[in-house]
Amino acid sequence: GFFTICATINPKIHAQLGLKAGEKAVTTLVM
């Protein structure tokens, strides 16, 4: 959940993930 929060609140990281504007990070699976 912490990384999901990070991807949500930081526009730079959101963009680095290849996500479009308005495309919300929901959850992150570490495996």
PDB file of all heavy atoms in Angstrom:
ATOM      1  N   GLY A   1       0.817  -1.207   0.000  1.00  0.00           N
ATOM      2  CA  GLY A   1       0.000   0.000   0.000  1.00  0.00           C
ATOM      3  C   GLY A   1       0.849   1.254   0.000  1.00  0.00           C
ATOM      4  O   GLY A   1       0.463   2.282  -0.578  1.00  0.00           O
ATOM      5  N   PHE A   2       2.022   1.185   0.631  1.00  0.00           N
ATOM      6  CA  PHE A   2       2.892   2.349   0.694  1.00  0.00           C
ATOM      7  C   PHE A   2       3.368   2.770  -0.696  1.00  0.00           C
ATOM      8  O   PHE A   2       3.398   3.951  -1.023  1.00  0.00           O
ATOM      9  CB  PHE A   2       4.104   2.061   1.589  1.00  0.00           C
ATOM     10  CG  PHE A   2       3.774   2.051   3.054  1.00  0.00           C
ATOM     11  CD1 PHE A   2       4.311   1.081   3.895  1.00  0.00           C
ATOM     12  CD2 PHE A   2       2.939   3.000   3.606  1.00  0.00           C
ATOM     13  CE1 PHE A   2       4.019   1.057   5.245  1.00  0.00           C
ATOM     14  CE2 PHE A   2       2.634   2.996   4.963  1.00  0.00           C
ATOM     15  CZ  PHE A   2       3.174   2.024   5.783  1.00  0.00           C
ATOM     16  N   PHE A   3       3.748   1.789  -1.541  1.00  0.00           N
ATOM     17  CA  PHE A   3       4.194   2.174  -2.879  1.00  0.00           C
ATOM     18  C   PHE A   3       3.026   2.711  -3.695  1.00  0.00           C
ATOM     19  O   PHE A   3       3.189   3.638  -4.500  1.00  0.00           O
ATOM     20  CB  PHE A   3       4.835   1.004  -3.625  1.00  0.00           C
ATOM     21  CG  PHE A   3       5.351   1.399  -4.987  1.00  0.00           C
ATOM     22  CD1 PHE A   3       6.523   2.119  -5.106  1.00  0.00           C
ATOM     23  CD2 PHE A   3       4.639   1.086  -6.135  1.00  0.00           C
ATOM     24  CE1 PHE A   3       6.987   2.532  -6.361  1.00  0.00           C
ATOM     25  CE2 PHE A   3       5.085   1.478  -7.380  1.00  0.00           C
ATOM     26  CZ  PHE A   3       6.271   2.207  -7.493  1.00  0.00           C
ATOM     27  N   THR A   4       1.837   2.148  -3.499  1.00  0.00           N
ATOM     28  CA  THR A   4       0.658   2.653  -4.200  1.00  0.00           C
ATOM     29  C   THR A   4       0.390   4.105  -3.822  1.00  0.00           C
ATOM     30  O   THR A   4       0.056   4.931  -4.680  1.00  0.00           O
ATOM     31  CB  THR A   4      -0.571   1.785  -3.873  1.00  0.00           C
ATOM     32  OG1 THR A   4      -0.270   0.409  -4.151  1.00  0.00           O
ATOM     33  CG2 THR A   4      -1.770   2.203  -4.713  1.00  0.00           C
ATOM     34  N   ILE A   5       0.549   4.421  -2.547  1.00  0.00           N
ATOM     35  CA  ILE A   5       0.405   5.812  -2.097  1.00  0.00           C
ATOM     36  C   ILE A   5       1.439   6.690  -2.782  1.00  0.00           C
ATOM     37  O   ILE A   5       1.133   7.788  -3.267  1.00  0.00           O
ATOM     38  CB  ILE A   5       0.556   5.897  -0.564  1.00  0.00           C
ATOM     39  CG1 ILE A   5      -0.632   5.234   0.130  1.00  0.00           C
ATOM     40  CG2 ILE A   5       0.677   7.355  -0.108  1.00  0.00           C
ATOM     41  CD1 ILE A   5      -0.470   5.090   1.621  1.00  0.00           C
ATOM     42  N   CYS A   6       2.667   6.207  -2.826  1.00  0.00           N
ATOM     43  CA  CYS A   6       3.748   6.955  -3.448  1.00  0.00           C
ATOM     44  C   CYS A   6       3.439   7.250  -4.915  1.00  0.00           C
ATOM     45  O   CYS A   6       3.625   8.377  -5.397  1.00  0.00           O
ATOM     46  CB  CYS A   6       5.048   6.157  -3.323  1.00  0.00           C
ATOM     47  SG  CYS A   6       6.505   7.008  -3.957  1.00  0.00           S
ATOM     48  N   ALA A   7       2.951   6.240  -5.640  1.00  0.00           N
ATOM     49  CA  ALA A   7       2.617   6.414  -7.052  1.00  0.00           C
ATOM     50  C   ALA A   7       1.422   7.341  -7.233  1.00  0.00           C
ATOM     51  O   ALA A   7       1.259   7.952  -8.296  1.00  0.00           O
ATOM     52  CB  ALA A   7       2.317   5.053  -7.681  1.00  0.00           C
ATOM     53  N   THR A   8       0.601   7.467  -6.207  1.00  0.00           N
ATOM     54  CA  THR A   8      -0.593   8.307  -6.282  1.00  0.00           C
ATOM     55  C   THR A   8      -0.275   9.770  -6.027  1.00  0.00           C
ATOM     56  O   THR A   8      -0.790  10.660  -6.717  1.00  0.00           O
ATOM     57  CB  THR A   8      -1.645   7.829  -5.266  1.00  0.00           C
ATOM     58  OG1 THR A   8      -2.004   6.470  -5.565  1.00  0.00           O
ATOM     59  CG2 THR A   8      -2.895   8.700  -5.296  1.00  0.00           C
ATOM     60  N   ILE A   9       0.593  10.039  -5.051  1.00  0.00           N
ATOM     61  CA  ILE A   9       0.839  11.429  -4.649  1.00  0.00           C
ATOM     62  C   ILE A   9       1.981  12.087  -5.393  1.00  0.00           C
ATOM     63  O   ILE A   9       2.142  13.307  -5.318  1.00  0.00           O
ATOM     64  CB  ILE A   9       1.090  11.527  -3.124  1.00  0.00           C
ATOM     65  CG1 ILE A   9       2.405  10.823  -2.745  1.00  0.00           C
ATOM     66  CG2 ILE A   9      -0.087  10.960  -2.344  1.00  0.00           C
ATOM     67  CD1 ILE A   9       2.751  10.953  -1.262  1.00  0.00           C
ATOM     68  N   ASN A  10       2.765  11.298  -6.129  1.00  0.00           N
ATOM     69  CA  ASN A  10       3.912  11.866  -6.827  1.00  0.00           C
ATOM     70  C   ASN A  10       3.695  11.800  -8.343  1.00  0.00           C
ATOM     71  O   ASN A  10       3.774  10.725  -8.939  1.00  0.00           O
ATOM     72  CB  ASN A  10       5.185  11.113  -6.437  1.00  0.00           C
ATOM     73  CG  ASN A  10       6.435  11.806  -6.963  1.00  0.00           C
ATOM     74  OD1 ASN A  10       6.640  11.897  -8.168  1.00  0.00           O
ATOM     75  ND2 ASN A  10       7.278  12.264  -6.053  1.00  0.00           N
ATOM     76  N   PRO A  11       3.430  12.920  -8.992  1.00  0.00           N
ATOM     77  CA  PRO A  11       3.162  12.930 -10.436  1.00  0.00           C
ATOM     78  C   PRO A  11       4.328  12.389 -11.265  1.00  0.00           C
ATOM     79  O   PRO A  11       4.102  11.747 -12.303  1.00  0.00           O
ATOM     80  CB  PRO A  11       2.913  14.410 -10.739  1.00  0.00           C
ATOM     81  CG  PRO A  11       2.530  15.021  -9.431  1.00  0.00           C
ATOM     82  CD  PRO A  11       3.306  14.259  -8.396  1.00  0.00           C
ATOM     83  N   LYS A  12       5.551  12.624 -10.831  1.00  0.00           N
ATOM     84  CA  LYS A  12       6.721  12.154 -11.583  1.00  0.00           C
ATOM     85  C   LYS A  12       6.767  10.630 -11.614  1.00  0.00           C
ATOM     86  O   LYS A  12       6.986  10.019 -12.669  1.00  0.00           O
ATOM     87  CB  LYS A  12       7.998  12.700 -10.951  1.00  0.00           C
ATOM     88  CG  LYS A  12       9.269  12.249 -11.644  1.00  0.00           C
ATOM     89  CD  LYS A  12      10.503  12.796 -10.948  1.00  0.00           C
ATOM     90  CE  LYS A  12      11.789  12.267 -11.603  1.00  0.00           C
ATOM     91  NZ  LYS A  12      12.994  12.771 -10.901  1.00  0.00           N
ATOM     92  N   ILE A  13       6.545  10.011 -10.467  1.00  0.00           N
ATOM     93  CA  ILE A  13       6.553   8.551 -10.399  1.00  0.00           C
ATOM     94  C   ILE A  13       5.371   7.978 -11.169  1.00  0.00           C
ATOM     95  O   ILE A  13       5.495   6.976 -11.877  1.00  0.00           O
ATOM     96  CB  ILE A  13       6.543   8.096  -8.927  1.00  0.00           C
ATOM     97  CG1 ILE A  13       7.879   8.456  -8.273  1.00  0.00           C
ATOM     98  CG2 ILE A  13       6.276   6.590  -8.824  1.00  0.00           C
ATOM     99  CD1 ILE A  13       7.917   8.250  -6.788  1.00  0.00           C
ATOM    100  N   HIS A  14       4.221   8.630 -11.065  1.00  0.00           N
ATOM    101  CA  HIS A  14       3.037   8.211 -11.821  1.00  0.00           C
ATOM    102  C   HIS A  14       3.353   8.172 -13.314  1.00  0.00           C
ATOM    103  O   HIS A  14       3.006   7.215 -14.019  1.00  0.00           O
ATOM    104  CB  HIS A  14       1.881   9.177 -11.537  1.00  0.00           C
ATOM    105  CG  HIS A  14       0.575   8.786 -12.148  1.00  0.00           C
ATOM    106  ND1 HIS A  14       0.238   9.085 -13.454  1.00  0.00           N
ATOM    107  CD2 HIS A  14      -0.490   8.102 -11.640  1.00  0.00           C
ATOM    108  CE1 HIS A  14      -0.957   8.627 -13.723  1.00  0.00           C
ATOM    109  NE2 HIS A  14      -1.440   8.028 -12.642  1.00  0.00           N
ATOM    110  N   ALA A  15       4.047   9.191 -13.803  1.00  0.00           N
ATOM    111  CA  ALA A  15       4.400   9.255 -15.219  1.00  0.00           C
ATOM    112  C   ALA A  15       5.441   8.199 -15.583  1.00  0.00           C
ATOM    113  O   ALA A  15       5.376   7.593 -16.660  1.00  0.00           O
ATOM    114  CB  ALA A  15       4.912  10.648 -15.562  1.00  0.00           C
ATOM    115  N   GLN A  16       6.404   7.965 -14.693  1.00  0.00           N
ATOM    116  CA  GLN A  16       7.440   6.973 -14.960  1.00  0.00           C
ATOM    117  C   GLN A  16       6.856   5.558 -15.073  1.00  0.00           C
ATOM    118  O   GLN A  16       7.429   4.698 -15.740  1.00  0.00           O
ATOM    119  CB  GLN A  16       8.492   7.004 -13.848  1.00  0.00           C
ATOM    120  CG  GLN A  16       9.426   8.192 -13.927  1.00  0.00           C
ATOM    121  CD  GLN A  16      10.424   8.195 -12.782  1.00  0.00           C
ATOM    122  OE1 GLN A  16      10.053   8.370 -11.618  1.00  0.00           O
ATOM    123  NE2 GLN A  16      11.679   7.989 -13.096  1.00  0.00           N
ATOM    124  N   LEU A  17       5.728   5.345 -14.434  1.00  0.00           N
ATOM    125  CA  LEU A  17       5.060   4.048 -14.512  1.00  0.00           C
ATOM    126  C   LEU A  17       4.345   3.857 -15.848  1.00  0.00           C
ATOM    127  O   LEU A  17       3.822   2.771 -16.121  1.00  0.00           O
ATOM    128  CB  LEU A  17       4.063   3.903 -13.352  1.00  0.00           C
ATOM    129  CG  LEU A  17       4.687   3.755 -11.963  1.00  0.00           C
ATOM    130  CD1 LEU A  17       3.617   3.958 -10.884  1.00  0.00           C
ATOM    131  CD2 LEU A  17       5.349   2.395 -11.802  1.00  0.00           C
ATOM    132  N   GLY A  18       4.318   4.890 -16.653  1.00  0.00           N
ATOM    133  CA  GLY A  18       3.665   4.789 -17.954  1.00  0.00           C
ATOM    134  C   GLY A  18       2.166   4.966 -17.893  1.00  0.00           C
ATOM    135  O   GLY A  18       1.461   4.644 -18.858  1.00  0.00           O
ATOM    136  N   LEU A  19       1.661   5.473 -16.772  1.00  0.00           N
ATOM    137  CA  LEU A  19       0.229   5.642 -16.610  1.00  0.00           C
ATOM    138  C   LEU A  19      -0.235   6.955 -17.235  1.00  0.00           C
ATOM    139  O   LEU A  19       0.477   7.955 -17.205  1.00  0.00           O
ATOM    140  CB  LEU A  19      -0.146   5.614 -15.124  1.00  0.00           C
ATOM    141  CG  LEU A  19       0.220   4.333 -14.369  1.00  0.00           C
ATOM    142  CD1 LEU A  19      -0.123   4.481 -12.893  1.00  0.00           C
ATOM    143  CD2 LEU A  19      -0.486   3.129 -14.977  1.00  0.00           C
ATOM    144  N   LYS A  20      -1.441   6.927 -17.772  1.00  0.00           N
ATOM    145  CA  LYS A  20      -2.005   8.116 -18.380  1.00  0.00           C
ATOM    146  C   LYS A  20      -2.555   9.040 -17.298  1.00  0.00           C
ATOM    147  O   LYS A  20      -2.817   8.624 -16.170  1.00  0.00           O
ATOM    148  CB  LYS A  20      -3.122   7.726 -19.355  1.00  0.00           C
ATOM    149  CG  LYS A  20      -2.665   6.845 -20.498  1.00  0.00           C
ATOM    150  CD  LYS A  20      -3.846   6.420 -21.353  1.00  0.00           C
ATOM    151  CE  LYS A  20      -3.420   5.482 -22.467  1.00  0.00           C
ATOM    152  NZ  LYS A  20      -4.580   5.012 -23.277  1.00  0.00           N
ATOM    153  N   ALA A  21      -2.732  10.294 -17.650  1.00  0.00           N
ATOM    154  CA  ALA A  21      -3.335  11.250 -16.721  1.00  0.00           C
ATOM    155  C   ALA A  21      -4.723  10.762 -16.341  1.00  0.00           C
ATOM    156  O   ALA A  21      -5.520  10.382 -17.204  1.00  0.00           O
ATOM    157  CB  ALA A  21      -3.416  12.623 -17.375  1.00  0.00           C
ATOM    158  N   GLY A  22      -5.010  10.739 -15.061  1.00  0.00           N
ATOM    159  CA  GLY A  22      -6.307  10.268 -14.586  1.00  0.00           C
ATOM    160  C   GLY A  22      -6.379   8.775 -14.353  1.00  0.00           C
ATOM    161  O   GLY A  22      -7.361   8.283 -13.793  1.00  0.00           O
ATOM    162  N   GLU A  23      -5.347   8.030 -14.787  1.00  0.00           N
ATOM    163  CA  GLU A  23      -5.321   6.585 -14.561  1.00  0.00           C
ATOM    164  C   GLU A  23      -4.758   6.323 -13.165  1.00  0.00           C
ATOM    165  O   GLU A  23      -3.591   6.601 -12.897  1.00  0.00           O
ATOM    166  CB  GLU A  23      -4.462   5.897 -15.625  1.00  0.00           C
ATOM    167  CG  GLU A  23      -4.650   4.392 -15.693  1.00  0.00           C
ATOM    168  CD  GLU A  23      -3.957   3.775 -16.901  1.00  0.00           C
ATOM    169  OE1 GLU A  23      -3.121   4.452 -17.534  1.00  0.00           O
ATOM    170  OE2 GLU A  23      -4.263   2.611 -17.196  1.00  0.00           O
ATOM    171  N   LYS A  24      -5.571   5.807 -12.271  1.00  0.00           N
ATOM    172  CA  LYS A  24      -5.224   5.734 -10.859  1.00  0.00           C
ATOM    173  C   LYS A  24      -4.500   4.432 -10.494  1.00  0.00           C
ATOM    174  O   LYS A  24      -4.931   3.341 -10.885  1.00  0.00           O
ATOM    175  CB  LYS A  24      -6.481   5.867  -9.999  1.00  0.00           C
ATOM    176  CG  LYS A  24      -7.179   7.215 -10.152  1.00  0.00           C
ATOM    177  CD  LYS A  24      -8.417   7.286  -9.270  1.00  0.00           C
ATOM    178  CE  LYS A  24      -9.106   8.640  -9.420  1.00  0.00           C
ATOM    179  NZ  LYS A  24     -10.335   8.728  -8.571  1.00  0.00           N
ATOM    180  N   ALA A  25      -3.430   4.570  -9.731  1.00  0.00           N
ATOM    181  CA  ALA A  25      -2.776   3.401  -9.155  1.00  0.00           C
ATOM    182  C   ALA A  25      -3.691   2.838  -8.075  1.00  0.00           C
ATOM    183  O   ALA A  25      -4.157   3.563  -7.200  1.00  0.00           O
ATOM    184  CB  ALA A  25      -1.429   3.791  -8.557  1.00  0.00           C
ATOM    185  N   VAL A  26      -3.962   1.534  -8.130  1.00  0.00           N
ATOM    186  CA  VAL A  26      -4.914   0.917  -7.200  1.00  0.00           C
ATOM    187  C   VAL A  26      -4.210   0.057  -6.162  1.00  0.00           C
ATOM    188  O   VAL A  26      -4.468   0.163  -4.966  1.00  0.00           O
ATOM    189  CB  VAL A  26      -5.964   0.085  -7.964  1.00  0.00           C
ATOM    190  CG1 VAL A  26      -6.874  -0.660  -6.991  1.00  0.00           C
ATOM    191  CG2 VAL A  26      -6.785   0.980  -8.878  1.00  0.00           C
ATOM    192  N   THR A  27      -3.322  -0.818  -6.600  1.00  0.00           N
ATOM    193  CA  THR A  27      -2.635  -1.699  -5.657  1.00  0.00           C
ATOM    194  C   THR A  27      -1.336  -2.188  -6.267  1.00  0.00           C
ATOM    195  O   THR A  27      -1.163  -2.170  -7.490  1.00  0.00           O
ATOM    196  CB  THR A  27      -3.533  -2.890  -5.260  1.00  0.00           C
ATOM    197  OG1 THR A  27      -2.952  -3.589  -4.160  1.00  0.00           O
ATOM    198  CG2 THR A  27      -3.714  -3.859  -6.418  1.00  0.00           C
ATOM    199  N   THR A  28      -0.420  -2.621  -5.412  1.00  0.00           N
ATOM    200  CA  THR A  28       0.886  -3.090  -5.861  1.00  0.00           C
ATOM    201  C   THR A  28       1.176  -4.449  -5.251  1.00  0.00           C
ATOM    202  O   THR A  28       1.093  -4.615  -4.027  1.00  0.00           O
ATOM    203  CB  THR A  28       1.998  -2.109  -5.453  1.00  0.00           C
ATOM    204  OG1 THR A  28       1.681  -0.796  -5.935  1.00  0.00           O
ATOM    205  CG2 THR A  28       3.347  -2.545  -6.024  1.00  0.00           C
ATOM    206  N   LEU A  29       1.505  -5.426  -6.098  1.00  0.00           N
ATOM    207  CA  LEU A  29       1.844  -6.768  -5.636  1.00  0.00           C
ATOM    208  C   LEU A  29       3.356  -6.947  -5.670  1.00  0.00           C
ATOM    209  O   LEU A  29       3.983  -6.811  -6.719  1.00  0.00           O
ATOM    210  CB  LEU A  29       1.177  -7.820  -6.527  1.00  0.00           C
ATOM    211  CG  LEU A  29      -0.355  -7.819  -6.575  1.00  0.00           C
ATOM    212  CD1 LEU A  29      -0.854  -8.886  -7.536  1.00  0.00           C
ATOM    213  CD2 LEU A  29      -0.936  -8.036  -5.187  1.00  0.00           C
ATOM    214  N   VAL A  30       3.909  -7.245  -4.513  1.00  0.00           N
ATOM    215  CA  VAL A  30       5.344  -7.533  -4.375  1.00  0.00           C
ATOM    216  C   VAL A  30       5.465  -9.049  -4.223  1.00  0.00           C
ATOM    217  O   VAL A  30       4.880  -9.639  -3.310  1.00  0.00           O
ATOM    218  CB  VAL A  30       5.924  -6.808  -3.144  1.00  0.00           C
ATOM    219  CG1 VAL A  30       7.391  -7.148  -2.954  1.00  0.00           C
ATOM    220  CG2 VAL A  30       5.724  -5.297  -3.278  1.00  0.00           C
ATOM    221  N   MET A  31       6.235  -9.694  -5.102  1.00  0.00           N
ATOM    222  CA  MET A  31       6.204 -11.154  -5.153  1.00  0.00           C
ATOM    223  C   MET A  31       7.595 -11.760  -5.301  1.00  0.00           C
ATOM    224  O   MET A  31       8.484 -11.175  -5.917  1.00  0.00           O
ATOM    225  CB  MET A  31       5.327 -11.609  -6.333  1.00  0.00           C
ATOM    226  CG  MET A  31       3.863 -11.253  -6.169  1.00  0.00           C
ATOM    227  SD  MET A  31       2.865 -11.568  -7.662  1.00  0.00           S
ATOM    228  CE  MET A  31       3.275 -10.108  -8.629  1.00  0.00           C
TER     229      MET A  31
END
